[in-house]
Protein backbone atom coordinates (compact mmCIF):
# COMPACT_ATOMS: atom_id res chain seq x y z
CA MET A 1 -185.85 93.71 27.99
CA ARG A 2 -184.60 90.25 27.16
CA SER A 3 -184.31 87.93 30.17
CA SER A 4 -180.79 86.67 31.04
CA TRP A 5 -182.19 83.30 32.16
CA HIS A 6 -181.83 81.42 28.93
CA PRO A 7 -183.18 77.84 29.12
CA VAL A 8 -179.76 76.40 28.30
CA ARG A 9 -178.20 78.32 31.14
CA VAL A 10 -180.81 77.07 33.57
CA ILE A 11 -180.07 73.48 32.57
CA LEU A 12 -176.33 73.98 33.03
CA ILE A 13 -176.79 75.54 36.46
CA PHE A 14 -179.03 72.64 37.48
CA ILE A 15 -176.44 70.07 36.36
CA LEU A 16 -173.63 71.90 38.13
CA GLY A 17 -175.63 72.08 41.34
CA THR A 18 -176.30 68.36 41.16
CA VAL A 19 -172.58 67.61 40.86
CA LEU A 20 -171.45 69.94 43.62
CA PHE A 21 -174.08 69.31 46.28
CA SER A 22 -175.69 66.22 47.70
CA SER A 23 -179.48 65.99 47.86
CA GLU A 24 -179.31 65.78 51.66
CA GLY A 25 -177.79 69.15 52.32
CA CYS A 26 -174.83 71.34 51.63
CA SER A 27 -172.03 68.74 51.86
CA PHE A 28 -169.66 68.77 48.93
CA VAL A 29 -169.77 65.50 47.05
CA VAL A 30 -166.10 66.02 46.14
CA GLU A 31 -165.18 65.40 49.79
CA LYS A 32 -166.15 61.79 49.28
CA ASP A 33 -163.84 61.50 46.29
CA VAL A 34 -160.62 62.90 47.84
CA LYS A 35 -157.56 61.16 46.47
CA GLY A 36 -154.29 60.92 48.37
CA LYS A 37 -153.26 61.03 52.02
CA GLY A 38 -153.62 63.78 54.57
CA ILE A 39 -151.02 65.76 56.48
CA ALA A 40 -148.54 63.62 58.51
CA ALA A 41 -149.25 60.42 56.55
CA SER A 42 -146.37 58.43 55.03
CA CYS A 43 -145.57 59.13 51.38
CA THR A 44 -142.98 58.67 48.67
CA THR A 45 -144.04 61.28 46.08
CA ASN A 46 -146.21 64.41 45.97
CA SER A 47 -148.96 62.47 44.20
CA ASP A 48 -149.44 60.41 47.37
CA CYS A 49 -150.64 63.49 49.23
CA HIS A 50 -153.94 65.33 48.98
CA ALA A 51 -153.57 69.12 48.80
CA GLY A 52 -149.97 68.98 49.92
CA VAL A 53 -146.44 67.81 49.15
CA CYS A 54 -144.26 64.91 50.23
CA VAL A 55 -141.34 66.14 52.34
CA GLY A 56 -139.15 63.75 54.28
CA GLU A 57 -141.49 60.85 53.44
CA LEU A 58 -144.44 62.61 55.11
CA CYS A 59 -147.33 64.52 53.57
CA THR A 60 -147.25 68.17 54.53
CA SER A 61 -148.09 71.69 53.39
CA LYS A 62 -146.58 75.14 53.80
CA CYS A 63 -147.70 77.22 56.76
CA GLY A 64 -147.14 80.50 58.51
CA ASN A 65 -148.63 79.54 61.88
CA ASP A 66 -150.57 76.72 63.57
CA ALA A 67 -153.88 78.05 62.23
CA ASP A 68 -152.74 77.09 58.72
CA CYS A 69 -152.44 73.41 59.72
CA PRO A 70 -155.10 70.71 60.18
CA THR A 71 -156.16 69.67 63.67
CA GLY A 72 -153.54 67.48 65.32
CA THR A 73 -150.65 69.06 63.46
CA LYS A 74 -148.66 72.24 64.01
CA CYS A 75 -146.60 74.64 61.96
CA GLN A 76 -142.97 73.67 62.55
CA ARG A 77 -139.93 75.94 62.49
CA ASP A 78 -139.17 74.88 58.89
CA GLY A 79 -142.51 76.35 57.74
CA PHE A 80 -144.34 73.05 57.15
CA CYS A 81 -147.25 71.42 58.94
CA ALA A 82 -146.35 68.25 60.84
CA GLN A 83 -147.56 66.06 63.65
CA PRO A 84 -145.34 66.96 66.64
CA LEU A 85 -143.28 64.33 68.49
CA ARG A 86 -142.06 64.76 72.06
CA ALA A 87 -139.24 62.61 73.48
CA GLY A 88 -138.06 62.29 77.07
CA PHE A 89 -134.46 61.21 77.78
CA LEU A 90 -133.33 59.57 81.04
CA TYR A 91 -129.66 60.07 82.07
CA ILE A 92 -127.83 58.16 84.78
CA GLY A 93 -125.34 60.98 85.35
CA VAL A 94 -125.13 64.74 85.09
CA LEU A 95 -124.12 66.93 82.16
CA ALA A 96 -121.45 68.82 84.08
CA ASP A 97 -119.15 65.79 83.95
CA GLN A 98 -119.11 66.01 80.14
CA GLY A 99 -118.90 62.23 79.92
CA TRP A 100 -121.41 59.47 79.19
CA SER A 101 -124.59 61.39 79.96
CA TYR A 102 -123.23 64.55 78.36
CA MET A 103 -122.72 62.74 75.05
CA HIS A 104 -126.25 61.32 75.15
CA ASP A 105 -127.44 64.87 75.66
CA GLN A 106 -125.40 65.98 72.65
CA GLY A 107 -127.26 63.31 70.66
CA ARG A 108 -130.58 64.61 71.98
CA ARG A 109 -129.70 68.17 70.99
CA ALA A 110 -128.54 67.08 67.54
CA ALA A 111 -131.79 65.20 66.98
CA GLU A 112 -133.88 68.19 68.04
CA GLU A 113 -131.91 70.43 65.69
CA ALA A 114 -132.19 68.02 62.75
CA LEU A 115 -135.89 67.19 63.20
CA PRO A 116 -138.11 70.30 63.15
CA TRP A 117 -141.16 68.48 64.50
CA LEU A 118 -139.28 67.16 67.56
CA THR A 119 -139.24 68.62 71.07
CA THR A 120 -137.38 66.97 73.94
CA GLU A 121 -136.75 67.06 77.65
CA PHE A 122 -134.36 65.15 79.92
CA ALA A 123 -133.87 64.09 83.52
CA PRO A 124 -130.38 63.61 85.07
CA ASN A 125 -129.40 61.31 87.97
CA VAL A 126 -131.90 58.60 86.99
CA ILE A 127 -130.18 55.77 88.84
CA THR A 128 -132.75 53.44 90.39
CA ASP A 129 -135.73 51.57 88.94
CA ALA A 130 -137.98 53.87 90.95
CA ASP A 131 -136.29 56.89 89.34
CA VAL A 132 -136.97 55.47 85.86
CA THR A 133 -140.66 54.93 86.59
CA ARG A 134 -141.13 58.31 88.26
CA HIS A 135 -139.42 60.43 85.61
CA ALA A 136 -140.81 58.52 82.63
CA THR A 137 -144.35 58.72 83.98
CA ALA A 138 -144.04 62.45 84.58
CA MET A 139 -142.78 62.95 81.02
CA ILE A 140 -145.64 60.93 79.54
CA GLU A 141 -148.17 62.90 81.56
CA LYS A 142 -146.72 66.08 80.04
CA GLY A 143 -147.18 64.68 76.53
CA ALA A 144 -144.07 62.63 75.74
CA ASN A 145 -144.62 60.16 72.89
CA VAL A 146 -141.17 58.55 73.27
CA ILE A 147 -139.11 57.61 76.34
CA ILE A 148 -135.40 56.87 75.89
CA GLN A 149 -133.45 55.22 78.71
CA SER A 150 -129.73 55.87 78.10
CA SER A 151 -128.14 53.48 80.59
CA GLN A 152 -128.22 49.73 80.96
CA GLY A 153 -130.32 49.88 84.13
CA GLY A 154 -134.06 50.20 84.34
CA THR A 155 -134.91 47.29 82.07
CA ALA A 156 -137.73 45.99 84.27
CA PRO A 157 -139.53 49.34 84.75
CA MET A 158 -139.14 50.21 81.07
CA ALA A 159 -140.79 46.92 80.10
CA ALA A 160 -143.59 47.55 82.61
CA LEU A 161 -144.13 51.07 81.29
CA ALA A 162 -144.21 49.82 77.71
CA GLU A 163 -146.95 47.38 78.63
CA LYS A 164 -148.89 50.04 80.54
CA TYR A 165 -148.81 52.59 77.71
CA LYS A 166 -148.88 50.33 74.65
CA LYS A 167 -152.42 51.45 73.74
CA ASP A 168 -151.54 55.12 74.19
CA GLY A 169 -149.05 55.38 71.35
CA VAL A 170 -145.95 55.78 73.55
CA THR A 171 -142.73 54.23 72.24
CA PHE A 172 -139.86 53.13 74.52
CA LEU A 173 -136.16 52.73 73.66
CA GLN A 174 -133.95 50.91 76.17
CA LEU A 175 -130.17 51.03 75.88
CA TYR A 176 -128.09 47.85 75.97
CA ASN A 177 -130.18 44.73 75.96
CA ARG A 178 -132.22 42.72 73.55
CA THR A 179 -135.51 43.19 75.37
CA VAL A 180 -137.83 43.85 72.46
CA THR A 181 -141.60 43.56 72.68
CA ASN A 182 -144.39 44.49 70.30
CA PRO A 183 -145.65 46.99 69.65
CA ASN A 184 -143.65 49.68 71.46
CA LEU A 185 -140.39 48.57 73.16
CA GLY A 186 -137.13 48.55 71.23
CA SER A 187 -133.46 48.35 72.23
CA TYR A 188 -130.28 49.98 70.99
CA TRP A 189 -126.54 49.66 71.56
CA VAL A 190 -123.23 50.34 69.83
CA LYS A 191 -120.18 48.18 69.10
CA ILE A 192 -118.18 50.04 71.68
CA GLN A 193 -115.43 47.42 71.68
CA GLN A 194 -114.32 48.85 68.33
CA SER A 195 -113.31 52.28 69.62
CA TRP A 196 -111.74 50.76 72.74
CA TYR A 197 -109.76 48.39 70.54
CA LEU A 198 -108.32 51.41 68.75
CA ALA A 199 -107.63 53.04 72.13
CA GLY A 200 -105.76 49.96 73.34
CA TYR A 201 -103.70 49.92 70.18
CA ILE A 202 -102.64 53.57 70.66
CA ALA A 203 -101.96 53.03 74.39
CA ALA A 204 -99.65 50.07 73.79
CA LYS A 205 -97.82 51.94 71.01
CA LYS A 206 -97.03 54.69 73.53
CA ALA A 207 -96.07 52.46 76.47
CA LYS A 208 -92.38 51.55 76.26
CA LYS A 209 -92.36 49.46 79.46
CA HIS A 210 -95.30 47.28 78.36
CA ARG A 211 -97.69 48.34 81.12
CA ILE A 212 -100.99 50.24 80.83
CA ALA A 213 -104.10 50.40 83.03
CA TRP A 214 -107.87 50.24 82.73
CA ILE A 215 -110.07 51.61 85.54
CA GLY A 216 -113.52 50.10 85.45
CA GLY A 217 -116.70 51.65 86.71
CA TYR A 218 -119.73 49.42 87.18
CA VAL A 219 -118.98 45.70 87.07
CA SER A 220 -121.16 44.61 84.18
CA PRO A 221 -120.93 42.92 80.78
CA GLN A 222 -121.14 46.34 79.15
CA GLY A 223 -117.96 47.42 80.93
CA ILE A 224 -116.24 44.10 80.26
CA VAL A 225 -116.85 44.44 76.52
CA ARG A 226 -114.97 47.75 76.57
CA ALA A 227 -112.13 46.32 78.63
CA ASN A 228 -111.79 43.34 76.30
CA GLY A 229 -111.68 45.55 73.24
CA PHE A 230 -108.98 47.61 74.97
CA VAL A 231 -106.88 44.55 75.82
CA ARG A 232 -107.19 43.02 72.37
CA GLY A 233 -106.19 46.28 70.67
CA ALA A 234 -103.23 46.68 73.01
CA ARG A 235 -102.07 43.14 72.31
CA ARG A 236 -102.28 43.78 68.58
CA ALA A 237 -99.73 46.59 69.00
CA ASP A 238 -97.62 44.84 71.66
CA PRO A 239 -98.14 41.09 72.39
CA ASN A 240 -96.27 41.51 75.70
CA VAL A 241 -98.24 44.41 77.15
CA GLN A 242 -99.96 43.96 80.52
CA VAL A 243 -103.18 45.80 81.32
CA GLU A 244 -103.78 46.35 85.04
CA VAL A 245 -107.44 46.58 86.03
CA ARG A 246 -108.95 48.39 89.01
CA TRP A 247 -112.62 48.90 89.87
CA VAL A 248 -114.68 51.78 91.23
CA GLY A 249 -117.70 49.48 91.59
CA PHE A 250 -120.20 51.94 90.14
CA TRP A 251 -120.24 54.34 87.17
CA PHE A 252 -118.86 57.00 89.52
CA ASP A 253 -118.14 57.64 93.19
CA PRO A 254 -121.33 59.51 94.14
CA GLY A 255 -119.75 61.61 96.84
CA ASN A 256 -118.02 59.79 99.68
CA PRO A 257 -114.33 60.73 99.39
CA VAL A 258 -111.77 58.64 101.25
CA SER A 259 -108.95 60.70 102.78
CA GLY A 260 -110.31 63.65 100.84
CA LYS A 261 -110.16 61.90 97.46
CA TYR A 262 -112.77 60.29 95.27
CA ARG A 263 -112.24 56.65 94.47
CA GLU A 264 -111.49 57.38 90.80
CA THR A 265 -108.59 59.62 91.88
CA LEU A 266 -107.21 57.06 94.33
CA LEU A 267 -107.25 54.27 91.75
CA ALA A 268 -105.55 56.43 89.12
CA GLU A 269 -102.78 57.31 91.57
CA GLN A 270 -102.36 53.63 92.49
CA VAL A 271 -101.95 52.35 88.92
CA ILE A 272 -99.53 55.17 88.11
CA GLU A 273 -97.46 54.27 91.16
CA ALA A 274 -97.51 50.64 90.00
CA GLY A 275 -95.94 51.66 86.68
CA ALA A 276 -98.81 52.23 84.26
CA GLU A 277 -97.69 54.47 81.38
CA VAL A 278 -101.17 54.99 79.91
CA VAL A 279 -104.47 55.00 81.83
CA MET A 280 -107.99 54.67 80.44
CA SER A 281 -111.19 54.89 82.46
CA ASN A 282 -114.67 53.42 82.13
CA THR A 283 -116.39 55.86 84.49
CA ASP A 284 -118.97 58.58 83.98
CA ASN A 285 -116.70 61.51 84.86
CA GLU A 286 -113.22 62.93 84.27
CA ARG A 287 -111.64 62.38 87.70
CA VAL A 288 -109.20 59.75 86.43
CA TYR A 289 -108.00 62.09 83.70
CA ASP A 290 -107.63 64.93 86.18
CA ALA A 291 -105.32 62.70 88.22
CA VAL A 292 -103.26 61.71 85.17
CA GLU A 293 -102.87 65.33 84.08
CA ALA A 294 -101.76 66.24 87.60
CA ALA A 295 -99.18 63.44 87.51
CA ARG A 296 -97.85 64.74 84.17
CA VAL A 297 -97.53 68.23 85.61
CA ALA A 298 -95.60 66.68 88.50
CA GLY A 299 -93.14 65.17 86.02
CA LYS A 300 -94.34 61.56 85.73
CA GLU A 301 -94.19 59.83 82.33
CA VAL A 302 -97.84 58.87 82.11
CA TRP A 303 -100.61 59.58 79.60
CA SER A 304 -104.35 59.08 79.35
CA ILE A 305 -106.89 58.15 76.73
CA GLU A 306 -110.25 59.82 77.22
CA THR A 307 -113.70 58.47 76.44
CA ASN A 308 -117.10 59.66 75.28
CA ASN A 309 -116.50 63.33 74.44
CA PRO A 310 -114.44 64.06 71.28
CA ALA A 311 -113.45 67.41 72.78
CA SER A 312 -111.95 65.90 75.95
CA CYS A 313 -108.32 66.23 74.90
CA ALA A 314 -108.57 70.01 74.92
CA LYS A 315 -108.82 69.90 78.71
CA TYR A 316 -105.72 67.73 79.09
CA PRO A 317 -103.07 69.06 76.69
CA ARG A 318 -100.14 67.48 78.55
CA SER A 319 -101.49 63.96 78.95
CA CYS A 320 -104.26 63.13 76.47
CA LEU A 321 -103.26 60.82 73.62
CA GLY A 322 -106.71 60.65 72.07
CA VAL A 323 -110.40 59.95 72.63
CA ALA A 324 -112.54 56.85 72.11
CA TRP A 325 -115.63 58.87 71.33
CA LEU A 326 -119.35 58.26 71.19
CA ASN A 327 -121.87 59.92 68.90
CA TRP A 328 -125.49 59.03 69.64
CA ALA A 329 -126.94 61.45 67.09
CA PRO A 330 -127.12 59.00 64.13
CA ILE A 331 -129.08 56.44 66.16
CA TYR A 332 -131.41 58.96 67.80
CA ILE A 333 -132.15 60.76 64.54
CA GLN A 334 -132.82 57.50 62.70
CA GLN A 335 -135.02 56.00 65.42
CA LEU A 336 -137.05 59.14 66.06
CA SER A 337 -137.50 59.69 62.33
CA ALA A 338 -138.76 56.14 61.89
CA ILE A 339 -141.23 56.62 64.76
CA HIS A 340 -142.49 59.88 63.28
CA LYS A 341 -142.86 58.36 59.80
CA HIS A 342 -144.82 55.40 61.19
CA LYS A 343 -142.05 53.08 59.93
CA TRP A 344 -140.54 52.15 63.28
CA LYS A 345 -140.65 48.58 64.49
CA PRO A 346 -139.36 47.18 67.79
CA GLU A 347 -135.94 45.63 67.21
CA TYR A 348 -132.41 45.48 68.59
CA ILE A 349 -130.24 48.17 66.96
CA HIS A 350 -126.50 47.37 67.23
CA ARG A 351 -124.21 49.63 65.21
CA GLY A 352 -120.50 50.18 64.88
CA ILE A 353 -117.91 52.17 62.97
CA SER A 354 -119.09 53.33 59.57
CA VAL A 355 -117.13 54.15 56.42
CA ASP A 356 -118.81 57.56 56.71
CA PRO A 357 -117.49 58.99 60.03
CA SER A 358 -120.51 61.29 60.40
CA GLN A 359 -122.73 58.19 60.66
CA SER A 360 -120.47 56.34 63.12
CA PRO A 361 -121.76 56.06 66.68
CA VAL A 362 -118.23 55.10 67.83
CA GLY A 363 -114.73 56.02 66.75
CA PHE A 364 -111.30 57.20 67.83
CA GLN A 365 -109.35 60.37 67.20
CA LEU A 366 -105.78 61.23 68.14
CA SER A 367 -104.84 64.35 70.02
CA THR A 368 -103.66 67.22 67.87
CA GLU A 369 -101.13 68.33 70.48
CA PRO A 370 -97.47 68.20 69.32
CA GLY A 371 -95.70 65.11 70.59
CA MET A 372 -98.89 63.16 71.18
CA ASN A 373 -98.86 61.48 67.78
CA ASP A 374 -96.77 61.07 64.67
CA THR A 375 -97.49 60.55 60.99
CA ASP A 376 -96.90 56.80 61.09
CA THR A 377 -99.20 56.29 64.07
CA ARG A 378 -101.91 58.41 62.50
CA LEU A 379 -101.71 56.41 59.28
CA GLU A 380 -101.84 53.11 61.17
CA LEU A 381 -104.91 54.32 63.06
CA GLU A 382 -106.69 55.38 59.87
CA ASN A 383 -105.98 52.02 58.24
CA LEU A 384 -107.16 50.12 61.33
CA GLN A 385 -110.39 52.13 61.55
CA ALA A 386 -111.07 51.43 57.88
CA ALA A 387 -110.43 47.72 58.45
CA ILE A 388 -112.94 47.64 61.31
CA ALA A 389 -115.52 49.56 59.28
CA ASN A 390 -115.32 46.76 56.71
CA ASP A 391 -115.09 43.96 59.28
CA ASN A 392 -117.06 44.82 62.42
CA ASP A 393 -116.06 41.60 64.20
CA LEU A 394 -112.31 42.18 63.91
CA PRO A 395 -111.65 43.46 67.49
CA LEU A 396 -112.84 40.38 69.40
CA ARG A 397 -112.39 37.65 66.80
CA GLY A 398 -110.18 34.71 67.88
CA PRO A 399 -107.75 33.21 68.40
CA TYR A 400 -106.70 34.21 71.92
CA ALA A 401 -106.62 32.76 75.42
CA THR A 402 -108.62 34.05 78.37
CA THR A 403 -107.82 34.49 82.06
CA GLY A 404 -110.62 32.13 83.04
CA ASN A 405 -114.44 31.88 83.19
CA ARG A 406 -114.40 30.93 79.50
CA SER A 407 -112.43 28.63 77.27
CA ALA A 408 -110.05 30.14 74.72
CA VAL A 409 -111.62 31.97 71.79
CA ALA A 410 -110.96 29.74 68.79
CA ASP A 411 -109.26 30.79 65.58
CA GLY A 412 -111.80 32.77 63.55
CA GLU A 413 -114.48 32.55 66.26
CA VAL A 414 -116.80 35.57 66.44
CA ILE A 415 -118.35 36.61 69.75
CA SER A 416 -122.13 36.61 69.27
CA ASP A 417 -124.43 39.46 70.25
CA ASP A 418 -125.91 37.26 72.96
CA GLU A 419 -122.48 36.62 74.48
CA LEU A 420 -121.53 40.28 74.26
CA LEU A 421 -124.57 41.13 76.39
CA LYS A 422 -123.46 38.57 79.00
CA MET A 423 -119.68 38.94 78.75
CA CYS A 424 -118.00 38.33 82.11
CA TRP A 425 -114.50 37.17 81.22
CA PHE A 426 -111.18 38.75 80.28
CA PRO A 427 -108.73 37.98 77.47
CA GLU A 428 -105.17 37.05 78.31
CA GLY A 429 -103.17 40.16 79.17
CA MET A 430 -105.52 41.60 81.81
CA VAL A 431 -103.85 41.50 85.24
CA GLU A 432 -104.58 42.60 88.78
CA LYS A 433 -102.42 43.12 91.84
CA VAL A 434 -102.19 40.26 94.32
CA ASN A 435 -102.37 42.94 97.02
CA PRO A 436 -104.21 46.00 95.61
CA ASP A 437 -102.95 48.19 98.46
CA ASP A 438 -99.31 47.45 97.61
CA PRO A 439 -98.25 48.76 94.18
CA LYS A 440 -95.09 46.64 94.39
CA SER A 441 -96.92 43.36 94.86
CA GLY A 442 -96.95 40.87 92.01
CA ASP A 443 -99.51 40.49 89.24
CA ARG A 444 -101.94 37.67 88.63
CA PRO A 445 -104.39 37.06 85.77
CA ALA A 446 -107.42 39.23 86.44
CA LEU A 447 -110.87 37.73 86.81
CA VAL A 448 -114.13 39.60 86.57
CA PRO A 449 -115.22 40.44 90.13
CA HIS A 450 -117.97 38.47 91.76
CA GLY A 451 -120.17 39.56 94.64
CA GLU A 452 -117.63 38.62 97.32
CA ARG A 453 -115.19 41.37 96.29
CA THR A 454 -115.48 44.64 98.18
CA PHE A 455 -114.01 47.84 96.73
CA LEU A 456 -114.75 50.28 99.52
CA LYS A 457 -114.88 49.48 103.22
CA ARG A 458 -118.28 49.35 104.89
CA GLU A 459 -117.31 52.04 107.39
CA ASN A 460 -116.79 54.39 104.45
CA MET A 461 -120.28 53.80 103.13
CA THR A 462 -123.23 56.12 103.58
CA LYS A 463 -126.85 55.54 102.69
CA GLY A 464 -127.31 55.89 98.97
CA ASN A 465 -123.90 54.67 97.80
CA GLU A 466 -123.85 51.12 99.16
CA SER A 467 -123.65 49.91 95.57
CA LEU A 468 -120.01 50.95 95.57
CA ALA A 469 -119.22 48.35 98.19
CA ASP A 470 -120.80 45.31 96.61
CA PRO A 471 -120.69 45.07 92.82
CA PRO A 472 -123.07 42.67 91.10
CA ASP A 473 -122.03 39.06 90.55
CA CYS A 474 -121.24 39.17 86.85
CA ALA A 475 -121.05 35.38 86.69
CA LYS A 476 -124.81 35.10 87.14
CA ASN A 477 -125.21 36.56 83.66
CA GLN A 478 -123.48 33.61 82.01
């Protein structure tokens, strides 16, 4: 029988073995010559990735379960391997109010739905610095890679946490300031004055007696920016309109009713009695709008403009003119995507109305209820929104006078980002009652409250809501 081991075959087998195996053992030499990046690495084309494809600027591969994916990655709900990202959100309020915190939660949910590798959790009622530290730390210990603080408070603890965890790959996003530190603390905010400018414009168009009202929550530059946008928009529609201001002193009355009523309700009733035809509120609940709707049911000619939630008007069919809405989804999706793709860098994100409404973090929509709008008003609003999308500085650009604390805004002057973050003055047109307890008392130009002003009496205070009595001195921010 002829042997099958022909000399040529033996030589070929020897050469093949030399190529495939190293002389030191059974390691494949080809492992040392791998071209391309591994799963979860950044990419632009499929050729950038080894044994995988480039999807969403990240190398990945198809999978049926976690066992199909390399260590450190998991099979996501879209059927691709990816490095998971976990984000913890901190809310100052509760979701039941369907206001500020509710809309941040809508942004969180939208991000989780859009990003298959993302999981999230949240904590409500995060009010104090101690709350921020406690909840953020607990989230990190459970595996959070990102902490997002969705209110202006907590700046100091967020900075301290960023420093503590900077070597652990945890990223921090702080709302409303320009505190940015390498490598892991960024800041984000929206040009909220734009939507409030549109709200003021609609309010003044509706008010035939030239009087509307703005009920402020926490006395802070963030709130003042909204108020100033509201006043400037109102004055665009009606140069003679007066905007009465009242203050809660905090984002909401946390539960100490006076004469059976929360402070938001009392203030709404007071401005209506003083003649306000449209009321807008800068608080983290719907109590003001409840009071306005009740007044409409009782026969008073008064309307409201809601904030935050685009669906708010549905709850107030008799009184709601429209909503100055917020949409945090575009910012959260963009920031979390950048973090996941290893393209994020700490910076101050400050965005406004976009030509593409789906990408706008702020905007305004009229009520669809009959009698709440007309074709001309709707067209004016659409044109004004388009103008702001193309000129983000339009709402607060000069010229106009102020009520004090700042010289007049010059013709063509643009308020800088730094001044917006410290804003503690009102434009001309903002008024307050000489005697707040007497709706028939005269008006005077309103000034931003300082520490000496008290909104609730000490005897009505309980432990835990003292902040309602003494608002911060906004002047110290200038």
